[in-house]
């Protein structure tokens, strides 16, 4: 009986931790105050236009692949 209670206790603690983590991740701010959102660029012309508009500033291009 003690083994059953200890397994149940561990499962309950893991579930509570998961709920707490999910709540934290869902409610935390996505961007720092004053930070512009990242641009989702679907074609090269949009990238080129936005890149050239920011001449003289620090620019960062991140390429992400789902595979």
N, C-alpha and C. Protein backbone atom coordinates (compact mmCIF):
# COMPACT_ATOMS: atom_id res chain seq x y z
N UNK A 1 0.81 -1.20 0.00
CA UNK A 1 0.00 0.00 0.00
C UNK A 1 0.85 1.26 0.00
N UNK A 2 1.99 1.24 0.68
CA UNK A 2 2.86 2.42 0.73
C UNK A 2 3.45 2.74 -0.63
N UNK A 3 3.78 1.69 -1.41
CA UNK A 3 4.32 1.93 -2.74
C UNK A 3 3.28 2.60 -3.63
N UNK A 4 2.03 2.20 -3.50
CA UNK A 4 0.95 2.80 -4.28
C UNK A 4 0.80 4.28 -3.94
N UNK A 5 0.85 4.58 -2.65
CA UNK A 5 0.71 5.97 -2.23
C UNK A 5 1.89 6.81 -2.71
N UNK A 6 3.08 6.27 -2.69
CA UNK A 6 4.24 7.04 -3.11
C UNK A 6 4.21 7.26 -4.62
N UNK A 7 3.76 6.28 -5.39
CA UNK A 7 3.64 6.46 -6.83
C UNK A 7 2.56 7.49 -7.15
N UNK A 8 1.46 7.40 -6.42
CA UNK A 8 0.38 8.37 -6.62
C UNK A 8 0.86 9.79 -6.29
N UNK A 9 1.60 9.90 -5.21
CA UNK A 9 2.12 11.20 -4.81
C UNK A 9 3.05 11.77 -5.87
N UNK A 10 3.90 10.94 -6.43
CA UNK A 10 4.82 11.39 -7.49
C UNK A 10 4.03 11.83 -8.71
N UNK A 11 3.03 11.07 -9.09
CA UNK A 11 2.22 11.43 -10.25
C UNK A 11 1.51 12.76 -10.02
N UNK A 12 0.94 12.94 -8.84
CA UNK A 12 0.25 14.20 -8.52
C UNK A 12 1.23 15.37 -8.56
N UNK A 13 2.42 15.19 -8.01
CA UNK A 13 3.41 16.27 -8.03
C UNK A 13 3.84 16.62 -9.45
N UNK A 14 4.03 15.60 -10.29
CA UNK A 14 4.42 15.85 -11.68
C UNK A 14 3.31 16.59 -12.42
N UNK A 15 2.06 16.18 -12.20
CA UNK A 15 0.93 16.85 -12.86
C UNK A 15 0.82 18.30 -12.38
N UNK A 16 0.97 18.53 -11.09
CA UNK A 16 0.91 19.91 -10.58
C UNK A 16 2.05 20.76 -11.14
N UNK A 17 3.23 20.18 -11.24
CA UNK A 17 4.36 20.90 -11.82
C UNK A 17 4.08 21.26 -13.27
N UNK A 18 3.54 20.30 -14.03
CA UNK A 18 3.24 20.54 -15.44
C UNK A 18 2.19 21.64 -15.59
N UNK A 19 1.17 21.64 -14.75
CA UNK A 19 0.14 22.67 -14.80
C UNK A 19 0.75 24.03 -14.46
N UNK A 20 1.57 24.07 -13.45
CA UNK A 20 2.22 25.33 -13.07
C UNK A 20 3.13 25.86 -14.17
N UNK A 21 3.89 24.98 -14.80
CA UNK A 21 4.77 25.39 -15.89
C UNK A 21 3.97 25.89 -17.08
N UNK A 22 2.90 25.19 -17.43
CA UNK A 22 2.06 25.62 -18.55
C UNK A 22 1.42 26.97 -18.27
N UNK A 23 0.98 27.19 -17.05
CA UNK A 23 0.39 28.48 -16.67
C UNK A 23 1.42 29.59 -16.76
N UNK A 24 2.61 29.34 -16.27
CA UNK A 24 3.68 30.34 -16.33
C UNK A 24 4.01 30.69 -17.78
N UNK A 25 4.17 29.69 -18.62
CA UNK A 25 4.52 29.94 -20.02
C UNK A 25 3.40 30.65 -20.76
N UNK A 26 2.17 30.40 -20.40
CA UNK A 26 1.03 31.03 -21.08
C UNK A 26 0.84 32.48 -20.66
N UNK A 27 1.27 32.85 -19.46
CA UNK A 27 0.99 34.19 -18.95
C UNK A 27 2.20 35.12 -18.96
N UNK A 28 3.38 34.62 -19.24
CA UNK A 28 4.55 35.49 -19.22
C UNK A 28 4.55 36.40 -20.46
N UNK A 29 5.16 37.57 -20.35
CA UNK A 29 5.20 38.47 -21.51
C UNK A 29 6.05 37.86 -22.63
N UNK A 30 5.59 38.03 -23.85
CA UNK A 30 6.28 37.46 -25.00
C UNK A 30 7.47 38.32 -25.44
N UNK A 31 7.36 39.62 -25.29
CA UNK A 31 8.42 40.53 -25.72
C UNK A 31 8.84 41.41 -24.55
N UNK A 32 10.06 41.83 -24.57
CA UNK A 32 10.52 42.80 -23.58
C UNK A 32 9.86 44.14 -23.88
N UNK A 33 9.65 44.97 -22.88
CA UNK A 33 9.03 46.27 -23.13
C UNK A 33 9.82 47.08 -24.15
N UNK A 34 9.14 47.58 -25.17
CA UNK A 34 9.78 48.38 -26.20
C UNK A 34 10.39 47.58 -27.33
N UNK A 35 10.36 46.26 -27.24
CA UNK A 35 10.95 45.43 -28.29
C UNK A 35 9.94 45.20 -29.41
N UNK A 36 10.38 45.38 -30.63
CA UNK A 36 9.51 45.15 -31.78
C UNK A 36 9.36 43.65 -32.01
N UNK A 37 8.20 43.23 -32.48
CA UNK A 37 8.02 41.80 -32.75
C UNK A 37 8.88 41.35 -33.93
N UNK A 38 9.20 40.08 -33.96
CA UNK A 38 9.97 39.53 -35.07
C UNK A 38 9.11 39.52 -36.33
N UNK A 39 9.74 39.75 -37.47
CA UNK A 39 9.02 39.76 -38.74
C UNK A 39 8.99 38.37 -39.34
N UNK A 40 7.82 37.96 -39.79
CA UNK A 40 7.67 36.68 -40.48
C UNK A 40 7.66 36.98 -41.97
N UNK A 41 8.77 36.73 -42.62
CA UNK A 41 8.93 37.10 -44.03
C UNK A 41 8.80 35.85 -44.88
N UNK A 42 7.90 35.92 -45.87
CA UNK A 42 7.64 34.74 -46.68
C UNK A 42 8.31 34.77 -48.05
N UNK A 43 8.82 35.93 -48.45
CA UNK A 43 9.52 35.97 -49.74
C UNK A 43 10.76 36.85 -49.66
N UNK A 44 11.65 36.69 -50.60
CA UNK A 44 12.96 37.36 -50.57
C UNK A 44 12.84 38.86 -50.81
N UNK A 45 11.86 39.30 -51.57
CA UNK A 45 11.71 40.73 -51.85
C UNK A 45 11.33 41.50 -50.58
N UNK A 46 10.46 40.94 -49.76
CA UNK A 46 10.11 41.57 -48.50
C UNK A 46 11.34 41.66 -47.60
N UNK A 47 12.11 40.60 -47.56
CA UNK A 47 13.35 40.59 -46.77
C UNK A 47 14.30 41.67 -47.27
N UNK A 48 14.51 41.75 -48.56
CA UNK A 48 15.43 42.72 -49.14
C UNK A 48 14.98 44.16 -48.82
N UNK A 49 13.68 44.42 -48.96
CA UNK A 49 13.15 45.77 -48.69
C UNK A 49 13.35 46.16 -47.24
N UNK A 50 12.98 45.28 -46.32
CA UNK A 50 13.14 45.59 -44.90
C UNK A 50 14.60 45.69 -44.50
N UNK A 51 15.44 44.85 -45.08
CA UNK A 51 16.87 44.89 -44.78
C UNK A 51 17.47 46.22 -45.23
N UNK A 52 17.12 46.69 -46.42
CA UNK A 52 17.66 47.95 -46.94
C UNK A 52 17.11 49.16 -46.19
N UNK A 53 15.91 49.08 -45.65
CA UNK A 53 15.34 50.20 -44.89
C UNK A 53 16.11 50.45 -43.60
N UNK A 54 16.72 49.45 -43.06
CA UNK A 54 17.42 49.57 -41.78
C UNK A 54 18.92 49.75 -41.94
N UNK A 55 19.35 50.36 -43.02
CA UNK A 55 20.78 50.60 -43.23
C UNK A 55 21.31 51.46 -42.08
N UNK A 56 22.45 51.09 -41.57
CA UNK A 56 23.06 51.83 -40.47
C UNK A 56 22.70 51.29 -39.10
N UNK A 57 21.77 50.35 -39.04
CA UNK A 57 21.38 49.74 -37.77
C UNK A 57 21.92 48.32 -37.73
N UNK A 58 21.97 47.76 -36.53
CA UNK A 58 22.36 46.37 -36.39
C UNK A 58 21.18 45.52 -36.84
N UNK A 59 21.44 44.56 -37.73
CA UNK A 59 20.38 43.70 -38.28
C UNK A 59 20.73 42.25 -38.02
N UNK A 60 19.70 41.46 -37.79
CA UNK A 60 19.88 40.04 -37.53
C UNK A 60 18.87 39.26 -38.35
N UNK A 61 19.36 38.31 -39.14
CA UNK A 61 18.50 37.46 -39.95
C UNK A 61 18.64 36.04 -39.40
N UNK A 62 17.49 35.45 -39.00
CA UNK A 62 17.48 34.10 -38.46
C UNK A 62 16.67 33.23 -39.42
N UNK A 63 17.29 32.17 -39.89
CA UNK A 63 16.62 31.22 -40.76
C UNK A 63 16.27 29.99 -39.93
N UNK A 64 14.99 29.63 -39.90
CA UNK A 64 14.54 28.49 -39.10
C UNK A 64 13.87 27.50 -40.03
N UNK A 65 14.26 26.24 -39.91
CA UNK A 65 13.67 25.19 -40.72
C UNK A 65 12.95 24.19 -39.82
N UNK A 66 11.76 23.73 -40.21
CA UNK A 66 11.04 22.78 -39.37
C UNK A 66 11.63 21.37 -39.38
N UNK A 67 12.62 21.13 -40.23
CA UNK A 67 13.21 19.79 -40.29
C UNK A 67 14.62 19.79 -39.76
